[in-house]
Amino acid sequence: MSHEREQLIEQAVRRAFGSLAEDRTIGAGGLFELAYAFVAADVADASLEEIQAAFASVWGLGPVDRDLYEQVLAVCDRHSPGDGETIEQVLQRASRGGDMEATCLLALVTNIR
């Protein structure tokens, strides 16, 4: 991917973030869907992988951390985070509700600390 193309996609993702600065009800999946429209306006043939890489860049995630972060976001999206609820709190709630993926992610976080 060319550097200019990468920058266009990242700028579009940042515009999507900016448009929702005050909206805390949309999850990462909804944010991705919104960003996809912004990206398509600038780079019509942008791939899913390119957009995911732009999200990771905006969030300051290296390629190694990206898969784990996306997995955590998927669990959080499934369990609808409440106002002010941290990622760890969502994972704890999901784990108590029987979500095995959340349980594994919580164990990983605990082992890292």
Protein backbone atom coordinates (compact mmCIF):
# COMPACT_ATOMS: atom_id res chain seq x y z
CA MET A 1 0.00 0.00 0.00
CA SER A 2 1.40 3.42 -0.93
CA HIS A 3 2.08 5.89 1.84
CA GLU A 4 -0.33 8.43 0.29
CA ARG A 5 -3.12 5.84 0.11
CA GLU A 6 -2.44 4.81 3.71
CA GLN A 7 -2.66 8.45 4.81
CA LEU A 8 -5.96 8.99 2.97
CA ILE A 9 -7.51 5.97 4.66
CA GLU A 10 -6.22 6.98 8.10
CA GLN A 11 -7.54 10.54 7.65
CA ALA A 12 -10.97 9.18 6.72
CA VAL A 13 -10.98 6.97 9.84
CA ARG A 14 -10.05 10.00 11.96
CA ARG A 15 -12.95 11.97 10.40
CA ALA A 16 -15.33 9.17 11.38
CA PHE A 17 -14.02 9.32 14.95
CA GLY A 18 -14.45 13.09 15.00
CA SER A 19 -18.03 12.87 13.80
CA LEU A 20 -18.87 10.79 16.87
CA ALA A 21 -16.86 12.68 19.46
CA GLU A 22 -19.87 13.11 21.73
CA ASP A 23 -21.74 9.89 20.87
CA ARG A 24 -20.79 7.19 23.33
CA THR A 25 -23.48 4.72 22.33
CA ILE A 26 -21.84 3.33 19.22
CA GLY A 27 -19.60 0.30 19.62
CA ALA A 28 -16.45 -0.46 17.67
CA GLY A 29 -18.43 -2.44 15.09
CA GLY A 30 -20.72 0.51 14.43
CA LEU A 31 -17.74 2.83 14.32
CA PHE A 32 -16.08 0.59 11.76
CA GLU A 33 -19.21 0.65 9.59
CA LEU A 34 -19.31 4.45 9.75
CA ALA A 35 -15.60 4.75 9.01
CA TYR A 36 -15.95 2.44 6.03
CA ALA A 37 -18.27 4.98 4.38
CA PHE A 38 -15.81 7.81 5.07
CA VAL A 39 -12.94 5.76 3.64
CA ALA A 40 -14.93 4.73 0.55
CA ALA A 41 -15.49 8.40 -0.26
CA ASP A 42 -11.72 8.95 -0.47
CA VAL A 43 -10.40 5.52 -1.49
CA ALA A 44 -13.22 3.62 -3.16
CA ASP A 45 -11.33 0.34 -3.45
CA ALA A 46 -9.97 0.27 0.11
CA SER A 47 -9.84 -3.24 1.51
CA LEU A 48 -11.02 -4.41 4.91
CA GLU A 49 -7.39 -5.07 5.85
CA GLU A 50 -6.38 -1.50 4.95
CA ILE A 51 -9.18 -0.04 7.05
CA GLN A 52 -8.33 -2.28 10.01
CA ALA A 53 -4.70 -1.19 9.72
CA ALA A 54 -5.83 2.45 9.79
CA PHE A 55 -7.87 1.81 12.95
CA ALA A 56 -4.83 0.21 14.56
CA SER A 57 -2.67 3.16 13.57
CA VAL A 58 -5.14 5.70 14.94
CA TRP A 59 -5.34 3.73 18.20
CA GLY A 60 -1.54 3.43 18.36
CA LEU A 61 -1.51 -0.36 18.05
CA GLY A 62 1.32 -2.24 16.41
CA PRO A 63 0.59 -5.19 14.13
CA VAL A 64 1.34 -7.69 16.93
CA ASP A 65 -1.25 -6.19 19.28
CA ARG A 66 -3.94 -5.59 16.69
CA ASP A 67 -5.49 -9.06 16.62
CA LEU A 68 -5.84 -9.18 20.39
CA TYR A 69 -7.38 -5.71 20.51
CA GLU A 70 -9.87 -6.59 17.78
CA GLN A 71 -10.81 -9.73 19.70
CA VAL A 72 -11.42 -7.68 22.86
CA LEU A 73 -13.52 -5.16 20.93
CA ALA A 74 -15.62 -7.95 19.43
CA VAL A 75 -16.43 -9.26 22.92
CA CYS A 76 -17.26 -5.75 24.12
CA ASP A 77 -19.54 -5.14 21.13
CA ARG A 78 -21.40 -8.38 21.85
CA HIS A 79 -22.06 -7.29 25.43
CA SER A 80 -23.04 -3.63 24.89
CA PRO A 81 -20.83 -1.60 27.25
CA GLY A 82 -22.68 0.71 29.61
CA ASP A 83 -21.88 4.37 30.21
CA GLY A 84 -18.53 4.69 31.94
CA GLU A 85 -17.95 0.92 31.91
CA THR A 86 -14.31 0.01 31.31
CA ILE A 87 -13.20 -2.74 28.96
CA GLU A 88 -12.21 -4.85 31.94
CA GLN A 89 -15.64 -4.39 33.52
CA VAL A 90 -17.34 -5.44 30.28
CA LEU A 91 -15.11 -8.52 30.11
CA GLN A 92 -15.90 -9.36 33.74
CA ARG A 93 -19.63 -9.02 33.15
CA ALA A 94 -19.41 -11.09 29.96
CA SER A 95 -17.37 -13.74 31.74
CA ARG A 96 -19.91 -13.98 34.58
CA GLY A 97 -22.57 -14.42 31.88
CA GLY A 98 -20.77 -17.46 30.49
CA ASP A 99 -18.80 -15.94 27.58
CA MET A 100 -15.74 -18.20 27.43
CA GLU A 101 -13.84 -15.84 25.15
CA ALA A 102 -14.24 -13.05 27.72
CA THR A 103 -13.06 -15.42 30.45
CA CYS A 104 -9.91 -16.25 28.48
CA LEU A 105 -9.22 -12.59 27.75
CA LEU A 106 -9.64 -11.72 31.42
CA ALA A 107 -7.21 -14.47 32.38
CA LEU A 108 -4.72 -13.09 29.88
CA VAL A 109 -5.04 -9.58 31.33
CA THR A 110 -4.60 -10.93 34.85
CA ASN A 111 -1.48 -12.88 33.86
CA ILE A 112 0.08 -9.83 32.20
CA ARG A 113 -0.26 -7.73 35.34
